[in-house]
Amino acid sequence: MGYIDPKLVDGAAAVVESFTCAICFNLFEKPRTACSKGHTFCAECLTAARARAPNNCPTCREDSSVKTGLVVTICAYVTSVIA
């Protein structure tokens, strides 16, 4: 096996971490952004979290409504690249 640049491995890990739900720790499934700070979760995880604390971000507790946006587009692209 050839040389693998550690920077590449670190970079790949950072990308995966950026698209990982902080509730279930899996890659986003139907991502939803929960607040203006961009905290994003799987739709099902966010729904379950909001059953306990409606309209609050599970990470920072900011009062907000469910939003979708650029994260959905980026996740679709990343999923297509790694599939």
PDB file of N, CA and C in Angstrom:
ATOM      1  N   MET A   1       0.851  -1.178   0.000  1.00  0.00           N
ATOM      2  CA  MET A   1       0.000   0.000   0.000  1.00  0.00           C
ATOM      3  C   MET A   1       0.889   1.231   0.000  1.00  0.00           C
ATOM      4  N   GLY A   2       0.484   2.251  -0.713  1.00  0.00           N
ATOM      5  CA  GLY A   2       1.269   3.472  -0.833  1.00  0.00           C
ATOM      6  C   GLY A   2       1.127   4.386   0.366  1.00  0.00           C
ATOM      7  N   TYR A   3       1.856   5.482   0.305  1.00  0.00           N
ATOM      8  CA  TYR A   3       1.848   6.482   1.366  1.00  0.00           C
ATOM      9  C   TYR A   3       0.521   7.237   1.366  1.00  0.00           C
ATOM     10  N   ILE A   4      -0.044   7.421   2.546  1.00  0.00           N
ATOM     11  CA  ILE A   4      -1.262   8.218   2.699  1.00  0.00           C
ATOM     12  C   ILE A   4      -0.898   9.446   3.515  1.00  0.00           C
ATOM     13  N   ASP A   5      -1.074  10.596   2.918  1.00  0.00           N
ATOM     14  CA  ASP A   5      -0.759  11.862   3.583  1.00  0.00           C
ATOM     15  C   ASP A   5      -1.687  12.060   4.775  1.00  0.00           C
ATOM     16  N   PRO A   6      -1.134  12.229   5.983  1.00  0.00           N
ATOM     17  CA  PRO A   6      -1.974  12.436   7.180  1.00  0.00           C
ATOM     18  C   PRO A   6      -2.911  13.636   7.062  1.00  0.00           C
ATOM     19  N   LYS A   7      -2.503  14.645   6.309  1.00  0.00           N
ATOM     20  CA  LYS A   7      -3.371  15.824   6.132  1.00  0.00           C
ATOM     21  C   LYS A   7      -4.658  15.429   5.400  1.00  0.00           C
ATOM     22  N   LEU A   8      -4.531  14.501   4.463  1.00  0.00           N
ATOM     23  CA  LEU A   8      -5.700  14.038   3.722  1.00  0.00           C
ATOM     24  C   LEU A   8      -6.648  13.290   4.654  1.00  0.00           C
ATOM     25  N   VAL A   9      -6.101  12.452   5.506  1.00  0.00           N
ATOM     26  CA  VAL A   9      -6.921  11.702   6.457  1.00  0.00           C
ATOM     27  C   VAL A   9      -7.600  12.655   7.431  1.00  0.00           C
ATOM     28  N   ASP A  10      -6.848  13.628   7.952  1.00  0.00           N
ATOM     29  CA  ASP A  10      -7.431  14.615   8.866  1.00  0.00           C
ATOM     30  C   ASP A  10      -8.521  15.417   8.178  1.00  0.00           C
ATOM     31  N   GLY A  11      -8.288  15.792   6.926  1.00  0.00           N
ATOM     32  CA  GLY A  11      -9.278  16.552   6.167  1.00  0.00           C
ATOM     33  C   GLY A  11     -10.549  15.760   5.941  1.00  0.00           C
ATOM     34  N   ALA A  12     -10.400  14.476   5.613  1.00  0.00           N
ATOM     35  CA  ALA A  12     -11.567  13.621   5.397  1.00  0.00           C
ATOM     36  C   ALA A  12     -12.348  13.459   6.702  1.00  0.00           C
ATOM     37  N   ALA A  13     -11.640  13.301   7.804  1.00  0.00           N
ATOM     38  CA  ALA A  13     -12.305  13.170   9.108  1.00  0.00           C
ATOM     39  C   ALA A  13     -13.080  14.437   9.442  1.00  0.00           C
ATOM     40  N   ALA A  14     -12.516  15.580   9.109  1.00  0.00           N
ATOM     41  CA  ALA A  14     -13.194  16.851   9.382  1.00  0.00           C
ATOM     42  C   ALA A  14     -14.467  16.982   8.548  1.00  0.00           C
ATOM     43  N   VAL A  15     -14.412  16.524   7.302  1.00  0.00           N
ATOM     44  CA  VAL A  15     -15.603  16.581   6.446  1.00  0.00           C
ATOM     45  C   VAL A  15     -16.688  15.676   7.011  1.00  0.00           C
ATOM     46  N   VAL A  16     -16.319  14.454   7.386  1.00  0.00           N
ATOM     47  CA  VAL A  16     -17.305  13.527   7.952  1.00  0.00           C
ATOM     48  C   VAL A  16     -17.896  14.111   9.228  1.00  0.00           C
ATOM     49  N   GLU A  17     -17.065  14.687  10.076  1.00  0.00           N
ATOM     50  CA  GLU A  17     -17.553  15.286  11.320  1.00  0.00           C
ATOM     51  C   GLU A  17     -18.528  16.425  11.043  1.00  0.00           C
ATOM     52  N   SER A  18     -18.273  17.186   9.989  1.00  0.00           N
ATOM     53  CA  SER A  18     -19.138  18.313   9.642  1.00  0.00           C
ATOM     54  C   SER A  18     -20.528  17.863   9.213  1.00  0.00           C
ATOM     55  N   PHE A  19     -20.638  16.624   8.757  1.00  0.00           N
ATOM     56  CA  PHE A  19     -21.918  16.110   8.281  1.00  0.00           C
ATOM     57  C   PHE A  19     -22.454  15.002   9.187  1.00  0.00           C
ATOM     58  N   THR A  20     -22.079  15.060  10.467  1.00  0.00           N
ATOM     59  CA  THR A  20     -22.505  14.059  11.444  1.00  0.00           C
ATOM     60  C   THR A  20     -23.476  14.692  12.435  1.00  0.00           C
ATOM     61  N   CYS A  21     -24.566  14.004  12.665  1.00  0.00           N
ATOM     62  CA  CYS A  21     -25.583  14.468  13.617  1.00  0.00           C
ATOM     63  C   CYS A  21     -25.043  14.343  15.034  1.00  0.00           C
ATOM     64  N   ALA A  22     -25.193  15.404  15.811  1.00  0.00           N
ATOM     65  CA  ALA A  22     -24.703  15.411  17.191  1.00  0.00           C
ATOM     66  C   ALA A  22     -25.607  14.613  18.134  1.00  0.00           C
ATOM     67  N   ILE A  23     -26.739  14.150  17.648  1.00  0.00           N
ATOM     68  CA  ILE A  23     -27.644  13.360  18.480  1.00  0.00           C
ATOM     69  C   ILE A  23     -27.404  11.864  18.258  1.00  0.00           C
ATOM     70  N   CYS A  24     -27.423  11.404  16.996  1.00  0.00           N
ATOM     71  CA  CYS A  24     -27.273   9.966  16.719  1.00  0.00           C
ATOM     72  C   CYS A  24     -25.857   9.581  16.286  1.00  0.00           C
ATOM     73  N   PHE A  25     -25.028  10.569  15.988  1.00  0.00           N
ATOM     74  CA  PHE A  25     -23.636  10.372  15.577  1.00  0.00           C
ATOM     75  C   PHE A  25     -23.477   9.635  14.246  1.00  0.00           C
ATOM     76  N   ASN A  26     -24.505   9.660  13.411  1.00  0.00           N
ATOM     77  CA  ASN A  26     -24.435   9.119  12.055  1.00  0.00           C
ATOM     78  C   ASN A  26     -24.411  10.285  11.073  1.00  0.00           C
ATOM     79  N   LEU A  27     -24.085   9.988   9.802  1.00  0.00           N
ATOM     80  CA  LEU A  27     -24.193  11.032   8.788  1.00  0.00           C
ATOM     81  C   LEU A  27     -25.652  11.477   8.719  1.00  0.00           C
ATOM     82  N   PHE A  28     -25.860  12.763   8.397  1.00  0.00           N
ATOM     83  CA  PHE A  28     -27.209  13.317   8.379  1.00  0.00           C
ATOM     84  C   PHE A  28     -28.153  12.506   7.507  1.00  0.00           C
ATOM     85  N   GLU A  29     -29.340  12.305   8.010  1.00  0.00           N
ATOM     86  CA  GLU A  29     -30.450  11.708   7.277  1.00  0.00           C
ATOM     87  C   GLU A  29     -31.524  12.788   7.216  1.00  0.00           C
ATOM     88  N   LYS A  30     -31.795  13.335   6.050  1.00  0.00           N
ATOM     89  CA  LYS A  30     -32.743  14.441   5.880  1.00  0.00           C
ATOM     90  C   LYS A  30     -32.387  15.584   6.848  1.00  0.00           C
ATOM     91  N   PRO A  31     -31.243  16.219   6.647  1.00  0.00           N
ATOM     92  CA  PRO A  31     -30.761  17.231   7.595  1.00  0.00           C
ATOM     93  C   PRO A  31     -31.681  18.432   7.741  1.00  0.00           C
ATOM     94  N   ARG A  32     -31.750  18.911   8.976  1.00  0.00           N
ATOM     95  CA  ARG A  32     -32.511  20.111   9.308  1.00  0.00           C
ATOM     96  C   ARG A  32     -31.627  20.997  10.173  1.00  0.00           C
ATOM     97  N   THR A  33     -31.564  22.270   9.815  1.00  0.00           N
ATOM     98  CA  THR A  33     -30.801  23.232  10.591  1.00  0.00           C
ATOM     99  C   THR A  33     -31.718  23.784  11.672  1.00  0.00           C
ATOM    100  N   ALA A  34     -31.247  23.727  12.916  1.00  0.00           N
ATOM    101  CA  ALA A  34     -32.111  24.034  14.050  1.00  0.00           C
ATOM    102  C   ALA A  34     -32.052  25.478  14.517  1.00  0.00           C
ATOM    103  N   CYS A  35     -31.015  26.222  14.130  1.00  0.00           N
ATOM    104  CA  CYS A  35     -30.879  27.577  14.660  1.00  0.00           C
ATOM    105  C   CYS A  35     -30.046  28.441  13.722  1.00  0.00           C
ATOM    106  N   SER A  36     -29.941  29.709  14.054  1.00  0.00           N
ATOM    107  CA  SER A  36     -29.190  30.654  13.213  1.00  0.00           C
ATOM    108  C   SER A  36     -27.686  30.393  13.251  1.00  0.00           C
ATOM    109  N   LYS A  37     -27.220  29.600  14.211  1.00  0.00           N
ATOM    110  CA  LYS A  37     -25.794  29.267  14.304  1.00  0.00           C
ATOM    111  C   LYS A  37     -25.429  28.097  13.394  1.00  0.00           C
ATOM    112  N   GLY A  38     -26.421  27.493  12.744  1.00  0.00           N
ATOM    113  CA  GLY A  38     -26.163  26.419  11.790  1.00  0.00           C
ATOM    114  C   GLY A  38     -26.086  25.030  12.386  1.00  0.00           C
ATOM    115  N   HIS A  39     -26.482  24.852  13.633  1.00  0.00           N
ATOM    116  CA  HIS A  39     -26.479  23.510  14.218  1.00  0.00           C
ATOM    117  C   HIS A  39     -27.498  22.655  13.465  1.00  0.00           C
ATOM    118  N   THR A  40     -27.021  21.537  12.947  1.00  0.00           N
ATOM    119  CA  THR A  40     -27.836  20.720  12.053  1.00  0.00           C
ATOM    120  C   THR A  40     -27.928  19.290  12.571  1.00  0.00           C
ATOM    121  N   PHE A  41     -29.099  18.679  12.367  1.00  0.00           N
ATOM    122  CA  PHE A  41     -29.381  17.343  12.883  1.00  0.00           C
ATOM    123  C   PHE A  41     -30.208  16.586  11.858  1.00  0.00           C
ATOM    124  N   CYS A  42     -30.296  15.272  12.025  1.00  0.00           N
ATOM    125  CA  CYS A  42     -31.228  14.479  11.224  1.00  0.00           C
ATOM    126  C   CYS A  42     -32.645  14.958  11.548  1.00  0.00           C
ATOM    127  N   ALA A  43     -33.518  14.922  10.564  1.00  0.00           N
ATOM    128  CA  ALA A  43     -34.900  15.362  10.788  1.00  0.00           C
ATOM    129  C   ALA A  43     -35.547  14.592  11.933  1.00  0.00           C
ATOM    130  N   GLU A  44     -35.375  13.269  11.949  1.00  0.00           N
ATOM    131  CA  GLU A  44     -35.991  12.449  12.993  1.00  0.00           C
ATOM    132  C   GLU A  44     -35.405  12.778  14.376  1.00  0.00           C
ATOM    133  N   CYS A  45     -34.091  12.987  14.430  1.00  0.00           N
ATOM    134  CA  CYS A  45     -33.446  13.322  15.713  1.00  0.00           C
ATOM    135  C   CYS A  45     -33.934  14.675  16.232  1.00  0.00           C
ATOM    136  N   LEU A  46     -34.036  15.649  15.327  1.00  0.00           N
ATOM    137  CA  LEU A  46     -34.481  16.975  15.736  1.00  0.00           C
ATOM    138  C   LEU A  46     -35.936  16.941  16.191  1.00  0.00           C
ATOM    139  N   THR A  47     -36.759  16.172  15.498  1.00  0.00           N
ATOM    140  CA  THR A  47     -38.163  16.047  15.896  1.00  0.00           C
ATOM    141  C   THR A  47     -38.274  15.456  17.302  1.00  0.00           C
ATOM    142  N   ALA A  48     -37.491  14.415  17.568  1.00  0.00           N
ATOM    143  CA  ALA A  48     -37.510  13.789  18.897  1.00  0.00           C
ATOM    144  C   ALA A  48     -37.006  14.754  19.970  1.00  0.00           C
ATOM    145  N   ALA A  49     -35.966  15.491  19.665  1.00  0.00           N
ATOM    146  CA  ALA A  49     -35.421  16.453  20.630  1.00  0.00           C
ATOM    147  C   ALA A  49     -36.416  17.572  20.897  1.00  0.00           C
ATOM    148  N   ARG A  50     -37.105  17.998  19.851  1.00  0.00           N
ATOM    149  CA  ARG A  50     -38.070  19.089  20.012  1.00  0.00           C
ATOM    150  C   ARG A  50     -39.341  18.632  20.717  1.00  0.00           C
ATOM    151  N   ALA A  51     -39.572  17.329  20.791  1.00  0.00           N
ATOM    152  CA  ALA A  51     -40.713  16.830  21.566  1.00  0.00           C
ATOM    153  C   ALA A  51     -40.480  17.119  23.047  1.00  0.00           C
ATOM    154  N   ARG A  52     -39.208  17.150  23.433  1.00  0.00           N
ATOM    155  CA  ARG A  52     -38.858  17.429  24.833  1.00  0.00           C
ATOM    156  C   ARG A  52     -38.685  18.935  25.087  1.00  0.00           C
ATOM    157  N   ALA A  53     -38.208  19.661  24.072  1.00  0.00           N
ATOM    158  CA  ALA A  53     -37.974  21.105  24.212  1.00  0.00           C
ATOM    159  C   ALA A  53     -38.354  21.792  22.899  1.00  0.00           C
ATOM    160  N   PRO A  54     -39.649  22.049  22.706  1.00  0.00           N
ATOM    161  CA  PRO A  54     -40.119  22.631  21.444  1.00  0.00           C
ATOM    162  C   PRO A  54     -39.411  23.937  21.083  1.00  0.00           C
ATOM    163  N   ASN A  55     -39.060  24.042  19.801  1.00  0.00           N
ATOM    164  CA  ASN A  55     -38.457  25.244  19.232  1.00  0.00           C
ATOM    165  C   ASN A  55     -37.116  25.638  19.841  1.00  0.00           C
ATOM    166  N   ASN A  56     -36.422  24.694  20.481  1.00  0.00           N
ATOM    167  CA  ASN A  56     -35.083  24.976  20.993  1.00  0.00           C
ATOM    168  C   ASN A  56     -34.063  24.122  20.256  1.00  0.00           C
ATOM    169  N   CYS A  57     -32.934  24.709  19.927  1.00  0.00           N
ATOM    170  CA  CYS A  57     -31.834  23.969  19.326  1.00  0.00           C
ATOM    171  C   CYS A  57     -31.265  23.010  20.379  1.00  0.00           C
ATOM    172  N   PRO A  58     -31.099  21.730  20.057  1.00  0.00           N
ATOM    173  CA  PRO A  58     -30.552  20.788  21.034  1.00  0.00           C
ATOM    174  C   PRO A  58     -29.111  21.092  21.458  1.00  0.00           C
ATOM    175  N   THR A  59     -28.379  21.840  20.654  1.00  0.00           N
ATOM    176  CA  THR A  59     -26.982  22.150  20.993  1.00  0.00           C
ATOM    177  C   THR A  59     -26.865  23.406  21.842  1.00  0.00           C
ATOM    178  N   CYS A  60     -27.462  24.501  21.381  1.00  0.00           N
ATOM    179  CA  CYS A  60     -27.257  25.783  22.064  1.00  0.00           C
ATOM    180  C   CYS A  60     -28.511  26.314  22.765  1.00  0.00           C
ATOM    181  N   ARG A  61     -29.638  25.635  22.566  1.00  0.00           N
ATOM    182  CA  ARG A  61     -30.915  26.013  23.182  1.00  0.00           C
ATOM    183  C   ARG A  61     -31.506  27.317  22.634  1.00  0.00           C
ATOM    184  N   GLU A  62     -30.979  27.792  21.506  1.00  0.00           N
ATOM    185  CA  GLU A  62     -31.537  28.995  20.887  1.00  0.00           C
ATOM    186  C   GLU A  62     -32.987  28.725  20.493  1.00  0.00           C
ATOM    187  N   ASP A  63     -33.851  29.673  20.748  1.00  0.00           N
ATOM    188  CA  ASP A  63     -35.259  29.563  20.372  1.00  0.00           C
ATOM    189  C   ASP A  63     -35.363  29.838  18.879  1.00  0.00           C
ATOM    190  N   SER A  64     -35.844  28.861  18.123  1.00  0.00           N
ATOM    191  CA  SER A  64     -35.917  29.025  16.676  1.00  0.00           C
ATOM    192  C   SER A  64     -36.891  28.019  16.084  1.00  0.00           C
ATOM    193  N   SER A  65     -37.107  28.127  14.791  1.00  0.00           N
ATOM    194  CA  SER A  65     -37.978  27.183  14.092  1.00  0.00           C
ATOM    195  C   SER A  65     -37.121  26.301  13.183  1.00  0.00           C
ATOM    196  N   VAL A  66     -37.680  25.187  12.755  1.00  0.00           N
ATOM    197  CA  VAL A  66     -36.956  24.253  11.888  1.00  0.00           C
ATOM    198  C   VAL A  66     -36.707  24.907  10.540  1.00  0.00           C
ATOM    199  N   LYS A  67     -35.484  24.770  10.060  1.00  0.00           N
ATOM    200  CA  LYS A  67     -35.108  25.338   8.771  1.00  0.00           C
ATOM    201  C   LYS A  67     -34.365  24.285   7.958  1.00  0.00           C
ATOM    202  N   THR A  68     -34.466  24.384   6.657  1.00  0.00           N
ATOM    203  CA  THR A  68     -33.611  23.601   5.773  1.00  0.00           C
ATOM    204  C   THR A  68     -32.892  24.606   4.902  1.00  0.00           C
ATOM    205  N   GLY A  69     -31.848  24.195   4.273  1.00  0.00           N
ATOM    206  CA  GLY A  69     -31.131  25.146   3.443  1.00  0.00           C
ATOM    207  C   GLY A  69     -29.970  24.508   2.739  1.00  0.00           C
ATOM    208  N   LEU A  70     -28.871  25.233   2.715  1.00  0.00           N
ATOM    209  CA  LEU A  70     -27.685  24.810   1.997  1.00  0.00           C
ATOM    210  C   LEU A  70     -27.185  23.462   2.479  1.00  0.00           C
ATOM    211  N   VAL A  71     -27.341  23.161   3.744  1.00  0.00           N
ATOM    212  CA  VAL A  71     -26.856  21.888   4.280  1.00  0.00           C
ATOM    213  C   VAL A  71     -27.462  20.714   3.520  1.00  0.00           C
ATOM    214  N   VAL A  72     -28.737  20.798   3.153  1.00  0.00           N
ATOM    215  CA  VAL A  72     -29.395  19.720   2.429  1.00  0.00           C
ATOM    216  C   VAL A  72     -28.693  19.500   1.094  1.00  0.00           C
ATOM    217  N   THR A  73     -28.394  20.559   0.371  1.00  0.00           N
ATOM    218  CA  THR A  73     -27.728  20.467  -0.916  1.00  0.00           C
ATOM    219  C   THR A  73     -26.333  19.889  -0.761  1.00  0.00           C
ATOM    220  N   ILE A  74     -25.594  20.353   0.216  1.00  0.00           N
ATOM    221  CA  ILE A  74     -24.234  19.867   0.440  1.00  0.00           C
ATOM    222  C   ILE A  74     -24.260  18.401   0.829  1.00  0.00           C
ATOM    223  N   CYS A  75     -25.171  17.994   1.699  1.00  0.00           N
ATOM    224  CA  CYS A  75     -25.256  16.591   2.115  1.00  0.00           C
ATOM    225  C   CYS A  75     -25.592  15.686   0.937  1.00  0.00           C
ATOM    226  N   ALA A  76     -26.483  16.122   0.072  1.00  0.00           N
ATOM    227  CA  ALA A  76     -26.819  15.329  -1.094  1.00  0.00           C
ATOM    228  C   ALA A  76     -25.587  15.128  -1.982  1.00  0.00           C
ATOM    229  N   TYR A  77     -24.804  16.176  -2.132  1.00  0.00           N
ATOM    230  CA  TYR A  77     -23.577  16.082  -2.926  1.00  0.00           C
ATOM    231  C   TYR A  77     -22.579  15.138  -2.267  1.00  0.00           C
ATOM    232  N   VAL A  78     -22.339  15.292  -0.981  1.00  0.00           N
ATOM    233  CA  VAL A  78     -21.378  14.436  -0.269  1.00  0.00           C
ATOM    234  C   VAL A  78     -21.826  12.992  -0.329  1.00  0.00           C
ATOM    235  N   THR A  79     -23.119  12.734  -0.149  1.00  0.00           N
ATOM    236  CA  THR A  79     -23.633  11.372  -0.216  1.00  0.00           C
ATOM    237  C   THR A  79     -23.378  10.773  -1.587  1.00  0.00           C
ATOM    238  N   SER A  80     -23.580  11.547  -2.635  1.00  0.00           N
ATOM    239  CA  SER A  80     -23.357  11.040  -3.991  1.00  0.00           C
ATOM    240  C   SER A  80     -21.874  10.766  -4.249  1.00  0.00           C
ATOM    241  N   VAL A  81     -20.997  11.552  -3.641  1.00  0.00           N
ATOM    242  CA  VAL A  81     -19.552  11.376  -3.838  1.00  0.00           C
ATOM    243  C   VAL A  81     -19.045  10.133  -3.120  1.00  0.00           C
ATOM    244  N   ILE A  82     -19.525   9.886  -1.900  1.00  0.00           N
ATOM    245  CA  ILE A  82     -18.993   8.755  -1.127  1.00  0.00           C
ATOM    246  C   ILE A  82     -19.725   7.454  -1.398  1.00  0.00           C
ATOM    247  N   ALA A  83     -20.842   7.526  -2.126  1.00  0.00           N
ATOM    248  CA  ALA A  83     -21.617   6.305  -2.409  1.00  0.00           C
ATOM    249  C   ALA A  83     -20.987   5.496  -3.532  1.00  0.00           C
TER     250      ALA A  83
END
